[in-house]
Amino acid sequence: MKKGNNISSLQDQNQLAQAQQSIYHLQNAIHQAQSHTDENILAQIEHSLERAEHSVAQAEQVTDDQRALALVQQEFTQQKQVYEKLKQSNM
């Protein structure tokens, strides 16, 4: 589905909710790693990061609500930056 098609508001909201949920899982994994970093947690973060990135990309394709999309993108970018800093400090 592409933006501009006759997509219901509910479908848009669902895709945004999925992206937000993926970001929430990423955030939880990062918080866990900040207090106890090990290889398993870093692998979990990588997996969560990939899923969140995929969910955000899907939301970008179908969502017409640019404000909500911008908020999701901003949160994803912030979590990605936190992860990069965490990764740098553990090298």
PDB file of N, CA and C in Angstrom:
ATOM      1  N   MET A   1       0.838  -1.185   0.000  1.00  0.00           N
ATOM      2  CA  MET A   1       0.000   0.000   0.000  1.00  0.00           C
ATOM      3  C   MET A   1       0.878   1.242   0.000  1.00  0.00           C
ATOM      4  N   LYS A   2       0.471   2.216  -0.724  1.00  0.00           N
ATOM      5  CA  LYS A   2       1.212   3.464  -0.834  1.00  0.00           C
ATOM      6  C   LYS A   2       0.366   4.603  -0.303  1.00  0.00           C
ATOM      7  N   LYS A   3       1.079   5.657   0.157  1.00  0.00           N
ATOM      8  CA  LYS A   3       0.379   6.863   0.555  1.00  0.00           C
ATOM      9  C   LYS A   3      -0.413   7.385  -0.623  1.00  0.00           C
ATOM     10  N   GLY A   4      -1.534   7.991  -0.341  1.00  0.00           N
ATOM     11  CA  GLY A   4      -2.347   8.538  -1.407  1.00  0.00           C
ATOM     12  C   GLY A   4      -3.439   7.580  -1.858  1.00  0.00           C
ATOM     13  N   ASN A   5      -3.274   6.301  -1.588  1.00  0.00           N
ATOM     14  CA  ASN A   5      -4.345   5.352  -1.896  1.00  0.00           C
ATOM     15  C   ASN A   5      -5.472   5.577  -0.903  1.00  0.00           C
ATOM     16  N   ASN A   6      -6.583   4.945  -1.128  1.00  0.00           N
ATOM     17  CA  ASN A   6      -7.723   5.091  -0.248  1.00  0.00           C
ATOM     18  C   ASN A   6      -7.545   4.183   0.969  1.00  0.00           C
ATOM     19  N   ILE A   7      -6.662   4.575   1.866  1.00  0.00           N
ATOM     20  CA  ILE A   7      -6.340   3.784   3.052  1.00  0.00           C
ATOM     21  C   ILE A   7      -7.103   4.366   4.238  1.00  0.00           C
ATOM     22  N   SER A   8      -7.705   3.515   5.009  1.00  0.00           N
ATOM     23  CA  SER A   8      -8.484   4.006   6.150  1.00  0.00           C
ATOM     24  C   SER A   8      -7.574   4.546   7.239  1.00  0.00           C
ATOM     25  N   SER A   9      -8.115   5.448   8.009  1.00  0.00           N
ATOM     26  CA  SER A   9      -7.401   6.029   9.136  1.00  0.00           C
ATOM     27  C   SER A   9      -6.987   4.952  10.128  1.00  0.00           C
ATOM     28  N   LEU A  10      -7.824   3.952  10.283  1.00  0.00           N
ATOM     29  CA  LEU A  10      -7.516   2.859  11.209  1.00  0.00           C
ATOM     30  C   LEU A  10      -6.264   2.112  10.779  1.00  0.00           C
ATOM     31  N   GLN A  11      -6.108   1.863   9.493  1.00  0.00           N
ATOM     32  CA  GLN A  11      -4.912   1.185   8.999  1.00  0.00           C
ATOM     33  C   GLN A  11      -3.672   2.042   9.230  1.00  0.00           C
ATOM     34  N   ASP A  12      -3.781   3.343   8.999  1.00  0.00           N
ATOM     35  CA  ASP A  12      -2.672   4.259   9.258  1.00  0.00           C
ATOM     36  C   ASP A  12      -2.271   4.200  10.722  1.00  0.00           C
ATOM     37  N   GLN A  13      -3.276   4.281  11.584  1.00  0.00           N
ATOM     38  CA  GLN A  13      -3.015   4.260  13.018  1.00  0.00           C
ATOM     39  C   GLN A  13      -2.404   2.939  13.444  1.00  0.00           C
ATOM     40  N   ASN A  14      -2.854   1.849  12.847  1.00  0.00           N
ATOM     41  CA  ASN A  14      -2.319   0.541  13.182  1.00  0.00           C
ATOM     42  C   ASN A  14      -0.835   0.457  12.820  1.00  0.00           C
ATOM     43  N   GLN A  15      -0.473   0.946  11.656  1.00  0.00           N
ATOM     44  CA  GLN A  15       0.931   0.896  11.240  1.00  0.00           C
ATOM     45  C   GLN A  15       1.786   1.778  12.137  1.00  0.00           C
ATOM     46  N   LEU A  16       1.277   2.943  12.488  1.00  0.00           N
ATOM     47  CA  LEU A  16       2.002   3.809  13.413  1.00  0.00           C
ATOM     48  C   LEU A  16       2.137   3.151  14.783  1.00  0.00           C
ATOM     49  N   ALA A  17       1.088   2.497  15.236  1.00  0.00           N
ATOM     50  CA  ALA A  17       1.141   1.802  16.525  1.00  0.00           C
ATOM     51  C   ALA A  17       2.166   0.674  16.499  1.00  0.00           C
ATOM     52  N   GLN A  18       2.245  -0.037  15.394  1.00  0.00           N
ATOM     53  CA  GLN A  18       3.247  -1.101  15.277  1.00  0.00           C
ATOM     54  C   GLN A  18       4.654  -0.516  15.320  1.00  0.00           C
ATOM     55  N   ALA A  19       4.866   0.600  14.654  1.00  0.00           N
ATOM     56  CA  ALA A  19       6.178   1.248  14.680  1.00  0.00           C
ATOM     57  C   ALA A  19       6.509   1.710  16.098  1.00  0.00           C
ATOM     58  N   GLN A  20       5.534   2.298  16.780  1.00  0.00           N
ATOM     59  CA  GLN A  20       5.753   2.750  18.148  1.00  0.00           C
ATOM     60  C   GLN A  20       6.058   1.574  19.076  1.00  0.00           C
ATOM     61  N   GLN A  21       5.376   0.469  18.880  1.00  0.00           N
ATOM     62  CA  GLN A  21       5.615  -0.724  19.696  1.00  0.00           C
ATOM     63  C   GLN A  21       7.026  -1.259  19.462  1.00  0.00           C
ATOM     64  N   SER A  22       7.470  -1.267  18.221  1.00  0.00           N
ATOM     65  CA  SER A  22       8.828  -1.714  17.917  1.00  0.00           C
ATOM     66  C   SER A  22       9.864  -0.807  18.568  1.00  0.00           C
ATOM     67  N   ILE A  23       9.610   0.486  18.537  1.00  0.00           N
ATOM     68  CA  ILE A  23      10.519   1.443  19.167  1.00  0.00           C
ATOM     69  C   ILE A  23      10.516   1.246  20.681  1.00  0.00           C
ATOM     70  N   TYR A  24       9.355   0.964  21.249  1.00  0.00           N
ATOM     71  CA  TYR A  24       9.253   0.701  22.682  1.00  0.00           C
ATOM     72  C   TYR A  24      10.102  -0.517  23.070  1.00  0.00           C
ATOM     73  N   HIS A  25      10.052  -1.575  22.278  1.00  0.00           N
ATOM     74  CA  HIS A  25      10.880  -2.757  22.548  1.00  0.00           C
ATOM     75  C   HIS A  25      12.362  -2.414  22.449  1.00  0.00           C
ATOM     76  N   LEU A  26      12.717  -1.615  21.467  1.00  0.00           N
ATOM     77  CA  LEU A  26      14.099  -1.162  21.319  1.00  0.00           C
ATOM     78  C   LEU A  26      14.526  -0.372  22.545  1.00  0.00           C
ATOM     79  N   GLN A  27      13.684   0.534  22.976  1.00  0.00           N
ATOM     80  CA  GLN A  27      13.984   1.358  24.141  1.00  0.00           C
ATOM     81  C   GLN A  27      14.187   0.495  25.390  1.00  0.00           C
ATOM     82  N   ASN A  28      13.337  -0.499  25.578  1.00  0.00           N
ATOM     83  CA  ASN A  28      13.484  -1.396  26.728  1.00  0.00           C
ATOM     84  C   ASN A  28      14.797  -2.159  26.678  1.00  0.00           C
ATOM     85  N   ALA A  29      15.170  -2.645  25.511  1.00  0.00           N
ATOM     86  CA  ALA A  29      16.424  -3.382  25.375  1.00  0.00           C
ATOM     87  C   ALA A  29      17.611  -2.471  25.675  1.00  0.00           C
ATOM     88  N   ILE A  30      17.544  -1.232  25.211  1.00  0.00           N
ATOM     89  CA  ILE A  30      18.626  -0.277  25.469  1.00  0.00           C
ATOM     90  C   ILE A  30      18.732   0.024  26.955  1.00  0.00           C
ATOM     91  N   HIS A  31      17.606   0.242  27.609  1.00  0.00           N
ATOM     92  CA  HIS A  31      17.623   0.505  29.054  1.00  0.00           C
ATOM     93  C   HIS A  31      18.210  -0.675  29.816  1.00  0.00           C
ATOM     94  N   GLN A  32      17.881  -1.868  29.405  1.00  0.00           N
ATOM     95  CA  GLN A  32      18.423  -3.057  30.036  1.00  0.00           C
ATOM     96  C   GLN A  32      19.944  -3.098  29.844  1.00  0.00           C
ATOM     97  N   ALA A  33      20.409  -2.779  28.668  1.00  0.00           N
ATOM     98  CA  ALA A  33      21.843  -2.812  28.380  1.00  0.00           C
ATOM     99  C   ALA A  33      22.603  -1.734  29.139  1.00  0.00           C
ATOM    100  N   GLN A  34      21.946  -0.624  29.435  1.00  0.00           N
ATOM    101  CA  GLN A  34      22.617   0.449  30.163  1.00  0.00           C
ATOM    102  C   GLN A  34      22.968   0.028  31.582  1.00  0.00           C
ATOM    103  N   SER A  35      22.209  -0.887  32.148  1.00  0.00           N
ATOM    104  CA  SER A  35      22.514  -1.350  33.494  1.00  0.00           C
ATOM    105  C   SER A  35      23.281  -2.668  33.508  1.00  0.00           C
ATOM    106  N   HIS A  36      23.195  -3.435  32.430  1.00  0.00           N
ATOM    107  CA  HIS A  36      23.855  -4.745  32.390  1.00  0.00           C
ATOM    108  C   HIS A  36      24.105  -5.136  30.935  1.00  0.00           C
ATOM    109  N   THR A  37      25.260  -4.755  30.432  1.00  0.00           N
ATOM    110  CA  THR A  37      25.563  -5.011  29.024  1.00  0.00           C
ATOM    111  C   THR A  37      26.262  -6.352  28.862  1.00  0.00           C
ATOM    112  N   ASP A  38      25.757  -7.161  27.959  1.00  0.00           N
ATOM    113  CA  ASP A  38      26.443  -8.380  27.544  1.00  0.00           C
ATOM    114  C   ASP A  38      26.102  -8.653  26.085  1.00  0.00           C
ATOM    115  N   GLU A  39      26.711  -9.659  25.522  1.00  0.00           N
ATOM    116  CA  GLU A  39      26.519  -9.950  24.101  1.00  0.00           C
ATOM    117  C   GLU A  39      25.065 -10.270  23.753  1.00  0.00           C
ATOM    118  N   ASN A  40      24.366 -10.967  24.627  1.00  0.00           N
ATOM    119  CA  ASN A  40      22.966 -11.313  24.361  1.00  0.00           C
ATOM    120  C   ASN A  40      22.086 -10.067  24.281  1.00  0.00           C
ATOM    121  N   ILE A  41      22.323  -9.135  25.179  1.00  0.00           N
ATOM    122  CA  ILE A  41      21.525  -7.915  25.186  1.00  0.00           C
ATOM    123  C   ILE A  41      21.843  -7.075  23.948  1.00  0.00           C
ATOM    124  N   LEU A  42      23.122  -7.008  23.580  1.00  0.00           N
ATOM    125  CA  LEU A  42      23.480  -6.257  22.375  1.00  0.00           C
ATOM    126  C   LEU A  42      22.861  -6.887  21.136  1.00  0.00           C
ATOM    127  N   ALA A  43      22.811  -8.204  21.085  1.00  0.00           N
ATOM    128  CA  ALA A  43      22.159  -8.892  19.962  1.00  0.00           C
ATOM    129  C   ALA A  43      20.661  -8.602  19.958  1.00  0.00           C
ATOM    130  N   GLN A  44      20.059  -8.562  21.138  1.00  0.00           N
ATOM    131  CA  GLN A  44      18.631  -8.240  21.244  1.00  0.00           C
ATOM    132  C   GLN A  44      18.374  -6.819  20.748  1.00  0.00           C
ATOM    133  N   ILE A  45      19.267  -5.900  21.094  1.00  0.00           N
ATOM    134  CA  ILE A  45      19.117  -4.517  20.630  1.00  0.00           C
ATOM    135  C   ILE A  45      19.214  -4.455  19.116  1.00  0.00           C
ATOM    136  N   GLU A  46      20.188  -5.161  18.548  1.00  0.00           N
ATOM    137  CA  GLU A  46      20.343  -5.173  17.090  1.00  0.00           C
ATOM    138  C   GLU A  46      19.064  -5.682  16.418  1.00  0.00           C
ATOM    139  N   HIS A  47      18.508  -6.746  16.964  1.00  0.00           N
ATOM    140  CA  HIS A  47      17.272  -7.307  16.423  1.00  0.00           C
ATOM    141  C   HIS A  47      16.126  -6.297  16.558  1.00  0.00           C
ATOM    142  N   SER A  48      15.996  -5.691  17.719  1.00  0.00           N
ATOM    143  CA  SER A  48      14.945  -4.696  17.954  1.00  0.00           C
ATOM    144  C   SER A  48      15.134  -3.483  17.043  1.00  0.00           C
ATOM    145  N   LEU A  49      16.369  -3.099  16.823  1.00  0.00           N
ATOM    146  CA  LEU A  49      16.666  -1.973  15.952  1.00  0.00           C
ATOM    147  C   LEU A  49      16.224  -2.269  14.519  1.00  0.00           C
ATOM    148  N   GLU A  50      16.522  -3.458  14.046  1.00  0.00           N
ATOM    149  CA  GLU A  50      16.110  -3.846  12.690  1.00  0.00           C
ATOM    150  C   GLU A  50      14.589  -3.865  12.552  1.00  0.00           C
ATOM    151  N   ARG A  51      13.916  -4.417  13.557  1.00  0.00           N
ATOM    152  CA  ARG A  51      12.449  -4.472  13.509  1.00  0.00           C
ATOM    153  C   ARG A  51      11.839  -3.083  13.541  1.00  0.00           C
ATOM    154  N   ALA A  52      12.385  -2.220  14.396  1.00  0.00           N
ATOM    155  CA  ALA A  52      11.867  -0.853  14.490  1.00  0.00           C
ATOM    156  C   ALA A  52      12.103  -0.100  13.186  1.00  0.00           C
ATOM    157  N   GLU A  53      13.274  -0.280  12.609  1.00  0.00           N
ATOM    158  CA  GLU A  53      13.580   0.384  11.347  1.00  0.00           C
ATOM    159  C   GLU A  53      12.613  -0.069  10.247  1.00  0.00           C
ATOM    160  N   HIS A  54      12.338  -1.352  10.212  1.00  0.00           N
ATOM    161  CA  HIS A  54      11.395  -1.903   9.236  1.00  0.00           C
ATOM    162  C   HIS A  54       9.982  -1.353   9.476  1.00  0.00           C
ATOM    163  N   SER A  55       9.557  -1.306  10.723  1.00  0.00           N
ATOM    164  CA  SER A  55       8.215  -0.804  11.044  1.00  0.00           C
ATOM    165  C   SER A  55       8.069   0.669  10.693  1.00  0.00           C
ATOM    166  N   VAL A  56       9.101   1.447  10.968  1.00  0.00           N
ATOM    167  CA  VAL A  56       9.056   2.872  10.629  1.00  0.00           C
ATOM    168  C   VAL A  56       8.986   3.035   9.107  1.00  0.00           C
ATOM    169  N   ALA A  57       9.765   2.247   8.388  1.00  0.00           N
ATOM    170  CA  ALA A  57       9.742   2.314   6.920  1.00  0.00           C
ATOM    171  C   ALA A  57       8.355   1.964   6.381  1.00  0.00           C
ATOM    172  N   GLN A  58       7.707   0.966   6.963  1.00  0.00           N
ATOM    173  CA  GLN A  58       6.353   0.610   6.535  1.00  0.00           C
ATOM    174  C   GLN A  58       5.378   1.741   6.820  1.00  0.00           C
ATOM    175  N   ALA A  59       5.519   2.346   7.993  1.00  0.00           N
ATOM    176  CA  ALA A  59       4.639   3.462   8.350  1.00  0.00           C
ATOM    177  C   ALA A  59       4.828   4.619   7.374  1.00  0.00           C
ATOM    178  N   GLU A  60       6.061   4.856   6.956  1.00  0.00           N
ATOM    179  CA  GLU A  60       6.330   5.936   6.003  1.00  0.00           C
ATOM    180  C   GLU A  60       5.615   5.708   4.679  1.00  0.00           C
ATOM    181  N   GLN A  61       5.445   4.452   4.300  1.00  0.00           N
ATOM    182  CA  GLN A  61       4.812   4.135   3.022  1.00  0.00           C
ATOM    183  C   GLN A  61       3.299   4.312   3.040  1.00  0.00           C
ATOM    184  N   VAL A  62       2.663   4.122   4.180  1.00  0.00           N
ATOM    185  CA  VAL A  62       1.201   4.112   4.194  1.00  0.00           C
ATOM    186  C   VAL A  62       0.555   5.239   4.987  1.00  0.00           C
ATOM    187  N   THR A  63       1.316   5.961   5.779  1.00  0.00           N
ATOM    188  CA  THR A  63       0.728   6.935   6.687  1.00  0.00           C
ATOM    189  C   THR A  63       0.697   8.328   6.083  1.00  0.00           C
ATOM    190  N   ASP A  64      -0.468   8.923   6.127  1.00  0.00           N
ATOM    191  CA  ASP A  64      -0.634  10.293   5.652  1.00  0.00           C
ATOM    192  C   ASP A  64      -0.500  11.309   6.783  1.00  0.00           C
ATOM    193  N   ASP A  65      -0.561  10.867   8.030  1.00  0.00           N
ATOM    194  CA  ASP A  65      -0.456  11.764   9.183  1.00  0.00           C
ATOM    195  C   ASP A  65       1.019  12.105   9.411  1.00  0.00           C
ATOM    196  N   GLN A  66       1.450  13.179   8.802  1.00  0.00           N
ATOM    197  CA  GLN A  66       2.866  13.546   8.832  1.00  0.00           C
ATOM    198  C   GLN A  66       3.362  13.940  10.223  1.00  0.00           C
ATOM    199  N   ARG A  67       2.502  14.533  11.041  1.00  0.00           N
ATOM    200  CA  ARG A  67       2.923  14.892  12.407  1.00  0.00           C
ATOM    201  C   ARG A  67       3.199  13.642  13.224  1.00  0.00           C
ATOM    202  N   ALA A  68       2.294  12.688  13.174  1.00  0.00           N
ATOM    203  CA  ALA A  68       2.481  11.445  13.931  1.00  0.00           C
ATOM    204  C   ALA A  68       3.692  10.687  13.407  1.00  0.00           C
ATOM    205  N   LEU A  69       3.854  10.666  12.111  1.00  0.00           N
ATOM    206  CA  LEU A  69       4.994   9.988  11.508  1.00  0.00           C
ATOM    207  C   LEU A  69       6.299  10.658  11.929  1.00  0.00           C
ATOM    208  N   ALA A  70       6.327  11.969  11.950  1.00  0.00           N
ATOM    209  CA  ALA A  70       7.526  12.700  12.357  1.00  0.00           C
ATOM    210  C   ALA A  70       7.900  12.372  13.804  1.00  0.00           C
ATOM    211  N   LEU A  71       6.904  12.244  14.666  1.00  0.00           N
ATOM    212  CA  LEU A  71       7.174  11.882  16.058  1.00  0.00           C
ATOM    213  C   LEU A  71       7.764  10.485  16.164  1.00  0.00           C
ATOM    214  N   VAL A  72       7.227   9.551  15.407  1.00  0.00           N
ATOM    215  CA  VAL A  72       7.743   8.172  15.407  1.00  0.00           C
ATOM    216  C   VAL A  72       9.177   8.164  14.884  1.00  0.00           C
ATOM    217  N   GLN A  73       9.417   8.885  13.805  1.00  0.00           N
ATOM    218  CA  GLN A  73      10.764   8.944  13.239  1.00  0.00           C
ATOM    219  C   GLN A  73      11.751   9.573  14.219  1.00  0.00           C
ATOM    220  N   GLN A  74      11.320  10.617  14.910  1.00  0.00           N
ATOM    221  CA  GLN A  74      12.174  11.286  15.880  1.00  0.00           C
ATOM    222  C   GLN A  74      12.528  10.348  17.032  1.00  0.00           C
ATOM    223  N   GLU A  75      11.553   9.635  17.540  1.00  0.00           N
ATOM    224  CA  GLU A  75      11.799   8.703  18.639  1.00  0.00           C
ATOM    225  C   GLU A  75      12.747   7.587  18.199  1.00  0.00           C
ATOM    226  N   PHE A  76      12.542   7.079  16.992  1.00  0.00           N
ATOM    227  CA  PHE A  76      13.431   6.040  16.474  1.00  0.00           C
ATOM    228  C   PHE A  76      14.865   6.567  16.367  1.00  0.00           C
ATOM    229  N   THR A  77      15.021   7.761  15.820  1.00  0.00           N
ATOM    230  CA  THR A  77      16.349   8.361  15.675  1.00  0.00           C
ATOM    231  C   THR A  77      17.010   8.553  17.031  1.00  0.00           C
ATOM    232  N   GLN A  78      16.264   8.999  18.014  1.00  0.00           N
ATOM    233  CA  GLN A  78      16.811   9.196  19.362  1.00  0.00           C
ATOM    234  C   GLN A  78      17.281   7.875  19.951  1.00  0.00           C
ATOM    235  N   GLN A  79      16.474   6.834  19.818  1.00  0.00           N
ATOM    236  CA  GLN A  79      16.856   5.536  20.374  1.00  0.00           C
ATOM    237  C   GLN A  79      18.074   4.967  19.648  1.00  0.00           C
ATOM    238  N   LYS A  80      18.133   5.185  18.361  1.00  0.00           N
ATOM    239  CA  LYS A  80      19.278   4.726  17.583  1.00  0.00           C
ATOM    240  C   LYS A  80      20.556   5.438  18.043  1.00  0.00           C
ATOM    241  N   GLN A  81      20.462   6.732  18.320  1.00  0.00           N
ATOM    242  CA  GLN A  81      21.614   7.493  18.802  1.00  0.00           C
ATOM    243  C   GLN A  81      22.054   7.014  20.181  1.00  0.00           C
ATOM    244  N   VAL A  82      21.098   6.728  21.057  1.00  0.00           N
ATOM    245  CA  VAL A  82      21.429   6.209  22.384  1.00  0.00           C
ATOM    246  C   VAL A  82      22.159   4.875  22.248  1.00  0.00           C
ATOM    247  N   TYR A  83      21.676   4.030  21.355  1.00  0.00           N
ATOM    248  CA  TYR A  83      22.316   2.737  21.132  1.00  0.00           C
ATOM    249  C   TYR A  83      23.737   2.915  20.601  1.00  0.00           C
ATOM    250  N   GLU A  84      23.917   3.824  19.650  1.00  0.00           N
ATOM    251  CA  GLU A  84      25.261   4.056  19.101  1.00  0.00           C
ATOM    252  C   GLU A  84      26.228   4.505  20.194  1.00  0.00           C
ATOM    253  N   LYS A  85      25.789   5.389  21.090  1.00  0.00           N
ATOM    254  CA  LYS A  85      26.627   5.834  22.201  1.00  0.00           C
ATOM    255  C   LYS A  85      26.945   4.668  23.133  1.00  0.00           C
ATOM    256  N   LEU A  86      25.954   3.848  23.412  1.00  0.00           N
ATOM    257  CA  LEU A  86      26.139   2.683  24.267  1.00  0.00           C
ATOM    258  C   LEU A  86      27.153   1.727  23.646  1.00  0.00           C
ATOM    259  N   LYS A  87      27.005   1.498  22.360  1.00  0.00           N
ATOM    260  CA  LYS A  87      27.906   0.597  21.642  1.00  0.00           C
ATOM    261  C   LYS A  87      29.335   1.147  21.669  1.00  0.00           C
ATOM    262  N   GLN A  88      29.482   2.441  21.465  1.00  0.00           N
ATOM    263  CA  GLN A  88      30.808   3.082  21.487  1.00  0.00           C
ATOM    264  C   GLN A  88      31.465   2.937  22.864  1.00  0.00           C
ATOM    265  N   SER A  89      30.682   3.087  23.911  1.00  0.00           N
ATOM    266  CA  SER A  89      31.247   3.020  25.260  1.00  0.00           C
ATOM    267  C   SER A  89      31.615   1.607  25.675  1.00  0.00           C
ATOM    268  N   ASN A  90      31.119   0.607  24.963  1.00  0.00           N
ATOM    269  CA  ASN A  90      31.423  -0.792  25.300  1.00  0.00           C
ATOM    270  C   ASN A  90      32.472  -1.402  24.381  1.00  0.00           C
ATOM    271  N   MET A  91      33.095  -0.591  23.542  1.00  0.00           N
ATOM    272  CA  MET A  91      34.129  -1.122  22.653  1.00  0.00           C
ATOM    273  C   MET A  91      35.485  -0.987  23.295  1.00  0.00           C
TER     274      MET A  91
END
